[in-house]
Amino acid sequence: MDPTRLPEHVGIIMDGNGRWAQKRGLPRYAGHAAGAKVFKTIAYYARDIGIKNLTVYAFSTENWQRPQEEVSRIMKVLEEFIDDALNTFEKERVRIRFLGDISVFSGTLLEKMNRIVSVTRHFPGLTLNIAMNYGGQNEIVHGVREAIRRVQAGELQPDQITPQNFGEMLYFDDCGSVDLIIRPSGELRLSNFLLWQAAYAEFWFSDILWPDFKPADFDRAIIDFQKRNRRFGGV
């Protein structure tokens, strides 16, 4: 791996938790607990090797359709992660943010989410974006509504809207495009993840289920990324 040619922004679709559990005769939520441990390992590993932005797909707008018990367990896993982060943030020094419409979450969980965002907001190094109640289409609609608001307020003319300033109207305006998207579990699709930001992303797919994902697999994805010739529509 060439440490001078790391992707600036990596996205991970953390897929395969439920199937991992079912293969072992366990309830699906056990896979989410196992996946959460891997999530922490990979996030801190990404920080240690010099990745600046890591966005992980934790819970989509479509995931509410899952059984209520599974959804409740996922929320519990998230809350446990935040509790741990609140106890270790001075040591780990990772900036944590939540990508998506988090206003739907319960009062206690939302309070903890806002607190971890606040206490880690000034940390340099890795910014960890956790996509919760997130959908790429919803994010684009959010941006369109913001563009309309600015036009109606006289802050912007319609012909002044560009891909660059429209990107600033999305949930976050400072992460930029995603360079590499990693998806384990054997699925070969984006699943409504970072649709705008992934315009020129490189993709790395693996049959490994997320709870079995290791730092060595992350390295393989980075090394493969570094072998590619990114032309951005040019020659």
C-alpha atoms as a PDB file:
ATOM      1  CA  MET A   1       0.000   0.000   0.000  1.00  0.00           C
ATOM      2  CA  ASP A   2       1.284   3.461  -0.933  1.00  0.00           C
ATOM      3  CA  PRO A   3       0.560   5.807   2.018  1.00  0.00           C
ATOM      4  CA  THR A   4       0.926   8.827  -0.284  1.00  0.00           C
ATOM      5  CA  ARG A   5      -1.954   7.724  -2.541  1.00  0.00           C
ATOM      6  CA  LEU A   6      -4.723   6.938  -0.098  1.00  0.00           C
ATOM      7  CA  PRO A   7      -8.318   7.731  -1.047  1.00  0.00           C
ATOM      8  CA  GLU A   8      -9.439  10.918   0.674  1.00  0.00           C
ATOM      9  CA  HIS A   9     -12.964   9.646   1.315  1.00  0.00           C
ATOM     10  CA  VAL A  10     -13.993   6.001   1.695  1.00  0.00           C
ATOM     11  CA  GLY A  11     -17.575   4.762   1.941  1.00  0.00           C
ATOM     12  CA  ILE A  12     -18.514   1.347   3.329  1.00  0.00           C
ATOM     13  CA  ILE A  13     -21.839  -0.443   2.940  1.00  0.00           C
ATOM     14  CA  MET A  14     -21.709  -2.662   6.016  1.00  0.00           C
ATOM     15  CA  ASP A  15     -23.712  -5.535   4.577  1.00  0.00           C
ATOM     16  CA  GLY A  16     -24.209  -9.172   5.548  1.00  0.00           C
ATOM     17  CA  ASN A  17     -24.784  -8.998   9.311  1.00  0.00           C
ATOM     18  CA  GLY A  18     -28.104 -10.843   9.244  1.00  0.00           C
ATOM     19  CA  ARG A  19     -26.889 -13.556   6.879  1.00  0.00           C
ATOM     20  CA  TRP A  20     -23.761 -14.030   8.994  1.00  0.00           C
ATOM     21  CA  ALA A  21     -25.946 -14.708  12.046  1.00  0.00           C
ATOM     22  CA  GLN A  22     -28.368 -16.982  10.223  1.00  0.00           C
ATOM     23  CA  LYS A  23     -25.524 -19.118   8.903  1.00  0.00           C
ATOM     24  CA  ARG A  24     -24.572 -19.739  12.525  1.00  0.00           C
ATOM     25  CA  GLY A  25     -28.095 -20.458  13.718  1.00  0.00           C
ATOM     26  CA  LEU A  26     -28.234 -17.147  15.576  1.00  0.00           C
ATOM     27  CA  PRO A  27     -30.912 -14.439  15.518  1.00  0.00           C
ATOM     28  CA  ARG A  28     -30.248 -11.697  12.969  1.00  0.00           C
ATOM     29  CA  TYR A  29     -29.589  -9.087  15.651  1.00  0.00           C
ATOM     30  CA  ALA A  30     -26.569 -11.088  16.823  1.00  0.00           C
ATOM     31  CA  GLY A  31     -25.021 -10.296  13.466  1.00  0.00           C
ATOM     32  CA  HIS A  32     -25.509  -6.580  14.031  1.00  0.00           C
ATOM     33  CA  ALA A  33     -23.718  -6.809  17.382  1.00  0.00           C
ATOM     34  CA  ALA A  34     -20.829  -8.657  15.715  1.00  0.00           C
ATOM     35  CA  GLY A  35     -20.811  -6.151  12.870  1.00  0.00           C
ATOM     36  CA  ALA A  36     -20.587  -3.245  15.313  1.00  0.00           C
ATOM     37  CA  LYS A  37     -17.318  -4.616  16.711  1.00  0.00           C
ATOM     38  CA  VAL A  38     -15.887  -4.848  13.202  1.00  0.00           C
ATOM     39  CA  PHE A  39     -17.108  -1.325  12.480  1.00  0.00           C
ATOM     40  CA  LYS A  40     -15.078   0.061  15.385  1.00  0.00           C
ATOM     41  CA  THR A  41     -12.008  -1.941  14.399  1.00  0.00           C
ATOM     42  CA  ILE A  42     -12.131  -0.748  10.793  1.00  0.00           C
ATOM     43  CA  ALA A  43     -12.877   2.864  11.722  1.00  0.00           C
ATOM     44  CA  TYR A  44      -9.889   3.111  14.039  1.00  0.00           C
ATOM     45  CA  TYR A  45      -7.712   1.260  11.544  1.00  0.00           C
ATOM     46  CA  ALA A  46      -8.710   3.739   8.829  1.00  0.00           C
ATOM     47  CA  ARG A  47      -7.722   6.554  11.174  1.00  0.00           C
ATOM     48  CA  ASP A  48      -4.370   4.944  11.922  1.00  0.00           C
ATOM     49  CA  ILE A  49      -3.372   4.570   8.268  1.00  0.00           C
ATOM     50  CA  GLY A  50      -4.350   8.143   7.401  1.00  0.00           C
ATOM     51  CA  ILE A  51      -7.841   8.062   5.875  1.00  0.00           C
ATOM     52  CA  LYS A  52      -9.425  11.499   6.293  1.00  0.00           C
ATOM     53  CA  ASN A  53     -13.121  10.737   5.742  1.00  0.00           C
ATOM     54  CA  LEU A  54     -14.953   7.456   6.320  1.00  0.00           C
ATOM     55  CA  THR A  55     -18.701   7.195   5.726  1.00  0.00           C
ATOM     56  CA  VAL A  56     -20.427   3.995   6.826  1.00  0.00           C
ATOM     57  CA  TYR A  57     -23.951   2.937   5.884  1.00  0.00           C
ATOM     58  CA  ALA A  58     -25.439   1.884   9.213  1.00  0.00           C
ATOM     59  CA  PHE A  59     -29.213   2.257   8.777  1.00  0.00           C
ATOM     60  CA  SER A  60     -31.064   3.285   5.631  1.00  0.00           C
ATOM     61  CA  THR A  61     -34.436   4.956   5.221  1.00  0.00           C
ATOM     62  CA  GLU A  62     -35.651   1.607   3.871  1.00  0.00           C
ATOM     63  CA  ASN A  63     -34.429  -0.394   6.883  1.00  0.00           C
ATOM     64  CA  TRP A  64     -37.505   0.664   8.879  1.00  0.00           C
ATOM     65  CA  GLN A  65     -39.329  -2.046   6.904  1.00  0.00           C
ATOM     66  CA  ARG A  66     -37.430  -4.741   8.810  1.00  0.00           C
ATOM     67  CA  PRO A  67     -38.994  -6.579  11.780  1.00  0.00           C
ATOM     68  CA  GLN A  68     -39.458  -4.269  14.761  1.00  0.00           C
ATOM     69  CA  GLU A  69     -37.282  -6.421  17.026  1.00  0.00           C
ATOM     70  CA  GLU A  70     -34.381  -6.213  14.581  1.00  0.00           C
ATOM     71  CA  VAL A  71     -34.771  -2.434  14.246  1.00  0.00           C
ATOM     72  CA  SER A  72     -34.832  -2.065  18.045  1.00  0.00           C
ATOM     73  CA  ARG A  73     -31.677  -4.158  18.375  1.00  0.00           C
ATOM     74  CA  ILE A  74     -29.894  -2.056  15.741  1.00  0.00           C
ATOM     75  CA  MET A  75     -30.787   1.085  17.704  1.00  0.00           C
ATOM     76  CA  LYS A  76     -29.447  -0.543  20.873  1.00  0.00           C
ATOM     77  CA  VAL A  77     -26.188  -1.431  19.122  1.00  0.00           C
ATOM     78  CA  LEU A  78     -25.865   2.176  17.955  1.00  0.00           C
ATOM     79  CA  GLU A  79     -26.520   3.501  21.447  1.00  0.00           C
ATOM     80  CA  GLU A  80     -23.895   1.153  22.896  1.00  0.00           C
ATOM     81  CA  PHE A  81     -21.377   2.398  20.326  1.00  0.00           C
ATOM     82  CA  ILE A  82     -22.115   6.014  21.254  1.00  0.00           C
ATOM     83  CA  ASP A  83     -21.832   5.244  24.980  1.00  0.00           C
ATOM     84  CA  ASP A  84     -18.434   3.675  24.357  1.00  0.00           C
ATOM     85  CA  ALA A  85     -17.370   6.608  22.187  1.00  0.00           C
ATOM     86  CA  LEU A  86     -18.414   9.074  24.895  1.00  0.00           C
ATOM     87  CA  ASN A  87     -16.152   7.222  27.328  1.00  0.00           C
ATOM     88  CA  THR A  88     -13.166   7.017  24.979  1.00  0.00           C
ATOM     89  CA  PHE A  89     -13.377  10.054  22.696  1.00  0.00           C
ATOM     90  CA  GLU A  90     -10.418  11.840  24.326  1.00  0.00           C
ATOM     91  CA  LYS A  91      -8.271   8.781  23.639  1.00  0.00           C
ATOM     92  CA  GLU A  92      -9.543   7.879  20.161  1.00  0.00           C
ATOM     93  CA  ARG A  93      -9.838  11.477  18.859  1.00  0.00           C
ATOM     94  CA  VAL A  94     -12.152  10.691  15.952  1.00  0.00           C
ATOM     95  CA  ARG A  95     -14.619  13.311  14.770  1.00  0.00           C
ATOM     96  CA  ILE A  96     -18.059  11.657  14.652  1.00  0.00           C
ATOM     97  CA  ARG A  97     -21.067  12.901  12.706  1.00  0.00           C
ATOM     98  CA  PHE A  98     -24.404  11.444  11.650  1.00  0.00           C
ATOM     99  CA  LEU A  99     -25.508  11.619   8.039  1.00  0.00           C
ATOM    100  CA  GLY A 100     -29.258  11.557   7.438  1.00  0.00           C
ATOM    101  CA  ASP A 101     -32.467  12.686   9.111  1.00  0.00           C
ATOM    102  CA  ILE A 102     -31.761  11.880  12.742  1.00  0.00           C
ATOM    103  CA  SER A 103     -34.726  13.859  14.084  1.00  0.00           C
ATOM    104  CA  VAL A 104     -36.811  10.651  14.020  1.00  0.00           C
ATOM    105  CA  PHE A 105     -34.815   8.955  16.774  1.00  0.00           C
ATOM    106  CA  SER A 106     -35.886   8.732  20.409  1.00  0.00           C
ATOM    107  CA  GLY A 107     -35.066  11.537  22.812  1.00  0.00           C
ATOM    108  CA  THR A 108     -32.345   9.730  24.773  1.00  0.00           C
ATOM    109  CA  LEU A 109     -30.628   8.340  21.691  1.00  0.00           C
ATOM    110  CA  LEU A 110     -30.853  11.662  19.860  1.00  0.00           C
ATOM    111  CA  GLU A 111     -29.401  13.457  22.878  1.00  0.00           C
ATOM    112  CA  LYS A 112     -26.421  11.093  22.908  1.00  0.00           C
ATOM    113  CA  MET A 113     -25.951  11.463  19.155  1.00  0.00           C
ATOM    114  CA  ASN A 114     -25.871  15.238  19.448  1.00  0.00           C
ATOM    115  CA  ARG A 115     -23.492  15.044  22.401  1.00  0.00           C
ATOM    116  CA  ILE A 116     -20.894  12.853  20.671  1.00  0.00           C
ATOM    117  CA  VAL A 117     -21.039  15.149  17.633  1.00  0.00           C
ATOM    118  CA  SER A 118     -20.438  18.149  19.879  1.00  0.00           C
ATOM    119  CA  VAL A 119     -17.551  16.772  21.946  1.00  0.00           C
ATOM    120  CA  THR A 120     -15.655  15.429  18.913  1.00  0.00           C
ATOM    121  CA  ARG A 121     -16.300  18.262  16.453  1.00  0.00           C
ATOM    122  CA  HIS A 122     -12.828  19.837  16.737  1.00  0.00           C
ATOM    123  CA  PHE A 123     -10.763  16.665  16.380  1.00  0.00           C
ATOM    124  CA  PRO A 124      -8.405  16.599  13.391  1.00  0.00           C
ATOM    125  CA  GLY A 125      -7.617  13.428  11.510  1.00  0.00           C
ATOM    126  CA  LEU A 126     -10.440  11.045  10.676  1.00  0.00           C
ATOM    127  CA  THR A 127     -14.008  12.274  10.260  1.00  0.00           C
ATOM    128  CA  LEU A 128     -16.372   9.336  10.747  1.00  0.00           C
ATOM    129  CA  ASN A 129     -19.771   9.886   9.144  1.00  0.00           C
ATOM    130  CA  ILE A 130     -22.362   7.358  10.310  1.00  0.00           C
ATOM    131  CA  ALA A 131     -25.294   7.217   7.887  1.00  0.00           C
ATOM    132  CA  MET A 132     -28.444   6.759   9.985  1.00  0.00           C
ATOM    133  CA  ASN A 133     -31.943   7.015   8.547  1.00  0.00           C
ATOM    134  CA  TYR A 134     -30.088   7.919   5.382  1.00  0.00           C
ATOM    135  CA  GLY A 135     -31.060   7.542   1.742  1.00  0.00           C
ATOM    136  CA  GLY A 136     -29.203   9.021  -1.197  1.00  0.00           C
ATOM    137  CA  GLN A 137     -32.420   9.999  -2.960  1.00  0.00           C
ATOM    138  CA  ASN A 138     -33.689  11.740   0.179  1.00  0.00           C
ATOM    139  CA  GLU A 139     -30.413  13.631   0.435  1.00  0.00           C
ATOM    140  CA  ILE A 140     -30.754  14.899  -3.136  1.00  0.00           C
ATOM    141  CA  VAL A 141     -34.361  15.962  -2.466  1.00  0.00           C
ATOM    142  CA  HIS A 142     -33.060  17.793   0.626  1.00  0.00           C
ATOM    143  CA  GLY A 143     -30.579  19.616  -1.616  1.00  0.00           C
ATOM    144  CA  VAL A 144     -33.266  20.524  -4.161  1.00  0.00           C
ATOM    145  CA  ARG A 145     -35.452  21.986  -1.414  1.00  0.00           C
ATOM    146  CA  GLU A 146     -32.521  24.021  -0.112  1.00  0.00           C
ATOM    147  CA  ALA A 147     -31.798  25.296  -3.637  1.00  0.00           C
ATOM    148  CA  ILE A 148     -35.451  26.337  -4.022  1.00  0.00           C
ATOM    149  CA  ARG A 149     -35.337  28.098  -0.655  1.00  0.00           C
ATOM    150  CA  ARG A 150     -32.244  30.066  -1.660  1.00  0.00           C
ATOM    151  CA  VAL A 151     -33.769  31.068  -4.996  1.00  0.00           C
ATOM    152  CA  GLN A 152     -37.006  32.179  -3.331  1.00  0.00           C
ATOM    153  CA  ALA A 153     -35.017  34.142  -0.747  1.00  0.00           C
ATOM    154  CA  GLY A 154     -33.107  35.919  -3.501  1.00  0.00           C
ATOM    155  CA  GLU A 155     -29.810  34.401  -2.375  1.00  0.00           C
ATOM    156  CA  LEU A 156     -29.274  32.539  -5.638  1.00  0.00           C
ATOM    157  CA  GLN A 157     -30.445  32.692  -9.250  1.00  0.00           C
ATOM    158  CA  PRO A 158     -31.542  29.439 -10.931  1.00  0.00           C
ATOM    159  CA  ASP A 159     -28.799  29.727 -13.548  1.00  0.00           C
ATOM    160  CA  GLN A 160     -26.223  30.038 -10.768  1.00  0.00           C
ATOM    161  CA  ILE A 161     -26.871  26.508  -9.518  1.00  0.00           C
ATOM    162  CA  THR A 162     -23.919  24.280 -10.381  1.00  0.00           C
ATOM    163  CA  PRO A 163     -22.878  20.755  -9.408  1.00  0.00           C
ATOM    164  CA  GLN A 164     -20.336  22.360  -7.098  1.00  0.00           C
ATOM    165  CA  ASN A 165     -22.641  24.619  -5.113  1.00  0.00           C
ATOM    166  CA  PHE A 166     -25.494  22.109  -5.204  1.00  0.00           C
ATOM    167  CA  GLY A 167     -23.183  19.660  -3.451  1.00  0.00           C
ATOM    168  CA  GLU A 168     -22.881  22.228  -0.664  1.00  0.00           C
ATOM    169  CA  MET A 169     -26.650  22.057  -0.143  1.00  0.00           C
ATOM    170  CA  LEU A 170     -26.611  18.377   0.778  1.00  0.00           C
ATOM    171  CA  TYR A 171     -26.364  17.047   4.340  1.00  0.00           C
ATOM    172  CA  PHE A 172     -22.639  17.837   4.636  1.00  0.00           C
ATOM    173  CA  ASP A 173     -20.795  20.368   2.521  1.00  0.00           C
ATOM    174  CA  ASP A 174     -17.226  19.562   3.517  1.00  0.00           C
ATOM    175  CA  CYS A 175     -16.598  15.884   2.732  1.00  0.00           C
ATOM    176  CA  GLY A 176     -16.669  16.164  -1.032  1.00  0.00           C
ATOM    177  CA  SER A 177     -16.924  13.269  -3.424  1.00  0.00           C
ATOM    178  CA  VAL A 178     -16.343   9.718  -2.265  1.00  0.00           C
ATOM    179  CA  ASP A 179     -13.291   8.105  -3.854  1.00  0.00           C
ATOM    180  CA  LEU A 180     -13.824   4.454  -2.951  1.00  0.00           C
ATOM    181  CA  ILE A 181     -16.926   2.503  -1.969  1.00  0.00           C
ATOM    182  CA  ILE A 182     -16.431  -0.879  -0.317  1.00  0.00           C
ATOM    183  CA  ARG A 183     -19.272  -3.384  -0.220  1.00  0.00           C
ATOM    184  CA  PRO A 184     -18.852  -6.822   1.330  1.00  0.00           C
ATOM    185  CA  SER A 185     -21.461  -9.632   1.305  1.00  0.00           C
ATOM    186  CA  GLY A 186     -21.490 -10.367  -2.438  1.00  0.00           C
ATOM    187  CA  GLU A 187     -24.120  -7.786  -3.391  1.00  0.00           C
ATOM    188  CA  LEU A 188     -23.248  -5.616  -6.394  1.00  0.00           C
ATOM    189  CA  ARG A 189     -25.281  -2.448  -5.978  1.00  0.00           C
ATOM    190  CA  LEU A 190     -25.246   0.945  -4.252  1.00  0.00           C
ATOM    191  CA  SER A 191     -28.531   0.506  -2.360  1.00  0.00           C
ATOM    192  CA  ASN A 192     -29.245   4.252  -2.294  1.00  0.00           C
ATOM    193  CA  PHE A 193     -25.876   5.101  -0.693  1.00  0.00           C
ATOM    194  CA  LEU A 194     -24.081   8.390  -1.476  1.00  0.00           C
ATOM    195  CA  LEU A 195     -25.694   8.658  -4.907  1.00  0.00           C
ATOM    196  CA  TRP A 196     -24.527  12.216  -5.566  1.00  0.00           C
ATOM    197  CA  GLN A 197     -21.079  11.848  -4.034  1.00  0.00           C
ATOM    198  CA  ALA A 198     -20.345   8.563  -5.849  1.00  0.00           C
ATOM    199  CA  ALA A 199     -20.407  10.033  -9.371  1.00  0.00           C
ATOM    200  CA  TYR A 200     -16.764   9.032  -9.969  1.00  0.00           C
ATOM    201  CA  ALA A 201     -16.227   6.611  -7.110  1.00  0.00           C
ATOM    202  CA  GLU A 202     -14.293   3.410  -7.565  1.00  0.00           C
ATOM    203  CA  PHE A 203     -16.051   0.280  -6.294  1.00  0.00           C
ATOM    204  CA  TRP A 204     -14.632  -2.724  -4.485  1.00  0.00           C
ATOM    205  CA  PHE A 205     -16.871  -5.719  -3.899  1.00  0.00           C
ATOM    206  CA  SER A 206     -16.218  -8.820  -1.819  1.00  0.00           C
ATOM    207  CA  ASP A 207     -18.133 -11.971  -0.879  1.00  0.00           C
ATOM    208  CA  ILE A 208     -16.975 -11.585   2.742  1.00  0.00           C
ATOM    209  CA  LEU A 209     -19.841 -10.902   5.141  1.00  0.00           C
ATOM    210  CA  TRP A 210     -19.302  -7.751   7.179  1.00  0.00           C
ATOM    211  CA  PRO A 211     -18.731  -9.421  10.595  1.00  0.00           C
ATOM    212  CA  ASP A 212     -15.843 -11.357   8.998  1.00  0.00           C
ATOM    213  CA  PHE A 213     -14.282  -8.248   7.442  1.00  0.00           C
ATOM    214  CA  LYS A 214     -10.703  -7.600   8.608  1.00  0.00           C
ATOM    215  CA  PRO A 215      -8.199  -4.747   8.321  1.00  0.00           C
ATOM    216  CA  ALA A 216      -6.385  -6.935   5.771  1.00  0.00           C
ATOM    217  CA  ASP A 217      -9.525  -6.803   3.602  1.00  0.00           C
ATOM    218  CA  PHE A 218      -9.574  -3.018   3.926  1.00  0.00           C
ATOM    219  CA  ASP A 219      -5.942  -3.020   2.793  1.00  0.00           C
ATOM    220  CA  ARG A 220      -6.850  -5.143  -0.231  1.00  0.00           C
ATOM    221  CA  ALA A 221      -9.500  -2.622  -1.224  1.00  0.00           C
ATOM    222  CA  ILE A 222      -7.057   0.280  -0.872  1.00  0.00           C
ATOM    223  CA  ILE A 223      -4.336  -1.503  -2.848  1.00  0.00           C
ATOM    224  CA  ASP A 224      -6.803  -2.316  -5.621  1.00  0.00           C
ATOM    225  CA  PHE A 225      -7.934   1.328  -5.654  1.00  0.00           C
ATOM    226  CA  GLN A 226      -4.338   2.482  -6.032  1.00  0.00           C
ATOM    227  CA  LYS A 227      -3.906   0.304  -9.128  1.00  0.00           C
ATOM    228  CA  ARG A 228      -6.752   1.980 -10.975  1.00  0.00           C
ATOM    229  CA  ASN A 229      -6.436   4.829 -13.441  1.00  0.00           C
ATOM    230  CA  ARG A 230      -9.058   7.406 -12.487  1.00  0.00           C
ATOM    231  CA  ARG A 231      -9.784   9.495 -15.592  1.00  0.00           C
ATOM    232  CA  PHE A 232     -12.922  11.372 -14.458  1.00  0.00           C
ATOM    233  CA  GLY A 233     -14.334  11.271 -17.978  1.00  0.00           C
ATOM    234  CA  GLY A 234     -11.036  12.214 -19.629  1.00  0.00           C
ATOM    235  CA  VAL A 235      -8.459  10.130 -21.438  1.00  0.00           C
END
